[in-house]
C-alpha atoms as a PDB file:
ATOM      1  CA  MET A   1      12.045  12.849  -4.636  1.00  0.00           C
ATOM      2  CA  THR A   2       8.553  13.872  -3.602  1.00  0.00           C
ATOM      3  CA  ALA A   3       7.339  12.845  -0.236  1.00  0.00           C
ATOM      4  CA  LEU A   4       4.336  10.473  -0.130  1.00  0.00           C
ATOM      5  CA  ARG A   5       1.058  11.904   1.016  1.00  0.00           C
ATOM      6  CA  LEU A   6      -0.567   9.644   3.490  1.00  0.00           C
ATOM      7  CA  THR A   7      -4.178   9.820   2.402  1.00  0.00           C
ATOM      8  CA  LYS A   8      -6.770   7.300   3.503  1.00  0.00           C
ATOM      9  CA  PRO A   9      -6.444   5.355   0.239  1.00  0.00           C
ATOM     10  CA  THR A  10      -2.608   5.316   0.411  1.00  0.00           C
ATOM     11  CA  LEU A  11      -2.772   4.087   4.013  1.00  0.00           C
ATOM     12  CA  ALA A  12      -5.282   1.304   2.964  1.00  0.00           C
ATOM     13  CA  VAL A  13      -2.774   0.227   0.087  1.00  0.00           C
ATOM     14  CA  LEU A  14       0.149   0.349   2.470  1.00  0.00           C
ATOM     15  CA  GLU A  15      -1.537  -1.909   4.981  1.00  0.00           C
ATOM     16  CA  ILE A  16      -2.467  -4.365   2.503  1.00  0.00           C
ATOM     17  CA  LEU A  17       1.225  -4.558   1.299  1.00  0.00           C
ATOM     18  CA  ILE A  18       2.420  -4.768   4.731  1.00  0.00           C
ATOM     19  CA  ALA A  19       0.247  -7.703   5.656  1.00  0.00           C
ATOM     20  CA  SER A  20       1.114  -9.643   2.587  1.00  0.00           C
ATOM     21  CA  THR A  21       3.611 -12.470   2.439  1.00  0.00           C
ATOM     22  CA  ASP A  22       6.412 -13.266  -0.016  1.00  0.00           C
ATOM     23  CA  ASP A  23       4.645 -16.576  -0.860  1.00  0.00           C
ATOM     24  CA  LYS A  24       1.313 -14.764  -1.602  1.00  0.00           C
ATOM     25  CA  PRO A  25       1.990 -11.331  -2.835  1.00  0.00           C
ATOM     26  CA  PRO A  26      -0.867  -9.052  -3.823  1.00  0.00           C
ATOM     27  CA  TRP A  27      -1.538  -8.050  -7.414  1.00  0.00           C
ATOM     28  CA  GLY A  28      -3.345  -4.906  -8.592  1.00  0.00           C
ATOM     29  CA  LEU A  29      -6.816  -5.892  -8.764  1.00  0.00           C
ATOM     30  CA  SER A  30      -6.621  -8.016  -5.486  1.00  0.00           C
ATOM     31  CA  ILE A  31      -5.475  -4.681  -3.721  1.00  0.00           C
ATOM     32  CA  CYS A  32      -8.314  -2.862  -5.338  1.00  0.00           C
ATOM     33  CA  HIS A  33     -10.902  -5.286  -4.029  1.00  0.00           C
ATOM     34  CA  GLU A  34      -9.310  -5.670  -0.583  1.00  0.00           C
ATOM     35  CA  ALA A  35      -9.012  -1.895  -0.031  1.00  0.00           C
ATOM     36  CA  ASP A  36     -12.435  -1.287  -1.559  1.00  0.00           C
ATOM     37  CA  LEU A  37     -10.847   1.358  -4.029  1.00  0.00           C
ATOM     38  CA  GLY A  38     -11.077   1.610  -7.850  1.00  0.00           C
ATOM     39  CA  PRO A  39      -8.136   1.051 -10.087  1.00  0.00           C
ATOM     40  CA  GLY A  40      -7.991   4.754 -10.874  1.00  0.00           C
ATOM     41  CA  THR A  41      -7.051   5.287  -7.429  1.00  0.00           C
ATOM     42  CA  VAL A  42      -4.890   2.197  -6.452  1.00  0.00           C
ATOM     43  CA  TYR A  43      -2.589   2.088  -9.544  1.00  0.00           C
ATOM     44  CA  PRO A  44      -1.369   5.728  -9.259  1.00  0.00           C
ATOM     45  CA  ILE A  45      -0.697   4.966  -5.666  1.00  0.00           C
ATOM     46  CA  LEU A  46       1.377   1.733  -6.644  1.00  0.00           C
ATOM     47  CA  ASP A  47       3.251   3.878  -9.237  1.00  0.00           C
ATOM     48  CA  ARG A  48       4.203   6.418  -6.727  1.00  0.00           C
ATOM     49  CA  LEU A  49       5.334   3.756  -4.358  1.00  0.00           C
ATOM     50  CA  LYS A  50       7.509   2.116  -7.124  1.00  0.00           C
ATOM     51  CA  THR A  51       8.954   5.578  -8.009  1.00  0.00           C
ATOM     52  CA  LEU A  52       9.859   6.129  -4.351  1.00  0.00           C
ATOM     53  CA  GLY A  53      11.512   2.579  -4.135  1.00  0.00           C
ATOM     54  CA  TRP A  54       8.999   1.385  -1.677  1.00  0.00           C
ATOM     55  CA  VAL A  55       7.817  -1.585  -3.866  1.00  0.00           C
ATOM     56  CA  THR A  56       9.065  -3.820  -6.452  1.00  0.00           C
ATOM     57  CA  THR A  57       7.035  -5.574  -9.123  1.00  0.00           C
ATOM     58  CA  ARG A  58       7.159  -8.727 -11.049  1.00  0.00           C
ATOM     59  CA  VAL A  59       5.029 -10.199 -13.763  1.00  0.00           C
ATOM     60  CA  GLU A  60       3.229 -13.547 -13.285  1.00  0.00           C
ATOM     61  CA  GLU A  61       5.284 -16.192 -15.262  1.00  0.00           C
ATOM     62  CA  GLU A  62       2.706 -19.007 -15.442  1.00  0.00           C
ATOM     63  CA  PRO A  63       0.287 -18.517 -18.422  1.00  0.00           C
ATOM     64  CA  HIS A  64      -3.435 -18.098 -17.576  1.00  0.00           C
ATOM     65  CA  PRO A  65      -5.704 -18.453 -20.503  1.00  0.00           C
ATOM     66  CA  GLY A  66      -8.415 -15.736 -20.726  1.00  0.00           C
ATOM     67  CA  ARG A  67      -6.558 -12.911 -18.794  1.00  0.00           C
ATOM     68  CA  PRO A  68      -3.291 -11.096 -18.994  1.00  0.00           C
ATOM     69  CA  PRO A  69      -0.549 -11.933 -16.542  1.00  0.00           C
ATOM     70  CA  ARG A  70      -0.779 -10.396 -13.070  1.00  0.00           C
ATOM     71  CA  MET A  71       1.661  -7.744 -11.748  1.00  0.00           C
ATOM     72  CA  TYR A  72       2.598  -8.671  -8.236  1.00  0.00           C
ATOM     73  CA  TYR A  73       3.697  -5.872  -5.758  1.00  0.00           C
ATOM     74  CA  THR A  74       6.125  -6.516  -2.886  1.00  0.00           C
ATOM     75  CA  LEU A  75       7.456  -4.006  -0.331  1.00  0.00           C
ATOM     76  CA  THR A  76      11.215  -3.618  -0.435  1.00  0.00           C
ATOM     77  CA  GLY A  77      13.125  -3.454   2.946  1.00  0.00           C
ATOM     78  CA  ALA A  78      13.168   0.263   3.017  1.00  0.00           C
ATOM     79  CA  GLY A  79       9.522   0.358   1.833  1.00  0.00           C
ATOM     80  CA  ARG A  80       8.448  -1.959   4.667  1.00  0.00           C
ATOM     81  CA  ALA A  81      10.348   0.160   7.184  1.00  0.00           C
ATOM     82  CA  GLU A  82       9.103   3.597   5.811  1.00  0.00           C
ATOM     83  CA  SER A  83       5.517   2.264   5.550  1.00  0.00           C
ATOM     84  CA  THR A  84       5.368   0.906   8.998  1.00  0.00           C
ATOM     85  CA  ALA A  85       6.949   4.200  10.377  1.00  0.00           C
ATOM     86  CA  ALA A  86       4.452   6.341   8.381  1.00  0.00           C
ATOM     87  CA  ILE A  87       1.535   4.395   9.550  1.00  0.00           C
ATOM     88  CA  ALA A  88       2.645   4.456  13.226  1.00  0.00           C
ATOM     89  CA  ALA A  89       3.233   8.151  12.962  1.00  0.00           C
ATOM     90  CA  ARG A  90      -0.123   8.813  11.460  1.00  0.00           C
ATOM     91  CA  ARG A  91      -1.776   6.842  14.197  1.00  0.00           C
ATOM     92  CA  THR A  92       0.182   8.810  16.824  1.00  0.00           C
ATOM     93  CA  ARG A  93      -0.965  12.055  15.378  1.00  0.00           C
ATOM     94  CA  ARG A  94      -4.579  11.001  15.118  1.00  0.00           C
ATOM     95  CA  ARG A  95      -4.536   9.821  18.803  1.00  0.00           C
ATOM     96  CA  GLY A  96      -3.181  13.234  19.586  1.00  0.00           C
ATOM     97  CA  ALA A  97      -5.739  15.119  17.721  1.00  0.00           C
ATOM     98  CA  PHE A  98      -8.513  13.049  19.105  1.00  0.00           C
ATOM     99  CA  ARG A  99      -7.328  13.823  22.666  1.00  0.00           C
ATOM    100  CA  LEU A 100      -7.043  17.571  21.841  1.00  0.00           C
ATOM    101  CA  ALA A 101     -10.676  17.503  20.592  1.00  0.00           C
ATOM    102  CA  GLY A 102     -11.776  16.194  24.073  1.00  0.00           C
ATOM    103  CA  GLY A 103     -12.262  12.583  23.089  1.00  0.00           C
ATOM    104  CA  ALA A 104     -11.258   9.568  25.158  1.00  0.00           C
ATOM    105  CA  ALA A 105      -8.248   7.546  24.071  1.00  0.00           C
END
């Protein structure tokens, strides 16, 4: 399985997924709006996360006239652990690089 590249857009999507709750999971376009990213960026990230087993999806069951059903995204247990660890490691690396560049931490 391919490792996930932790780009800024990927980190933004992961942070939204981590902050979500089971009673109010995010759907694709809500993630786009919250992350300020286009669907051409967000949906491939969500597809990669699903392929890695980090997220599960479910289709909205209640009918809503005038729009298709929403696809909700939820982190799996492993996905939450991997996401949290990846974000923490990224922050640690960024702080270390900032210190090496002579910045104040």
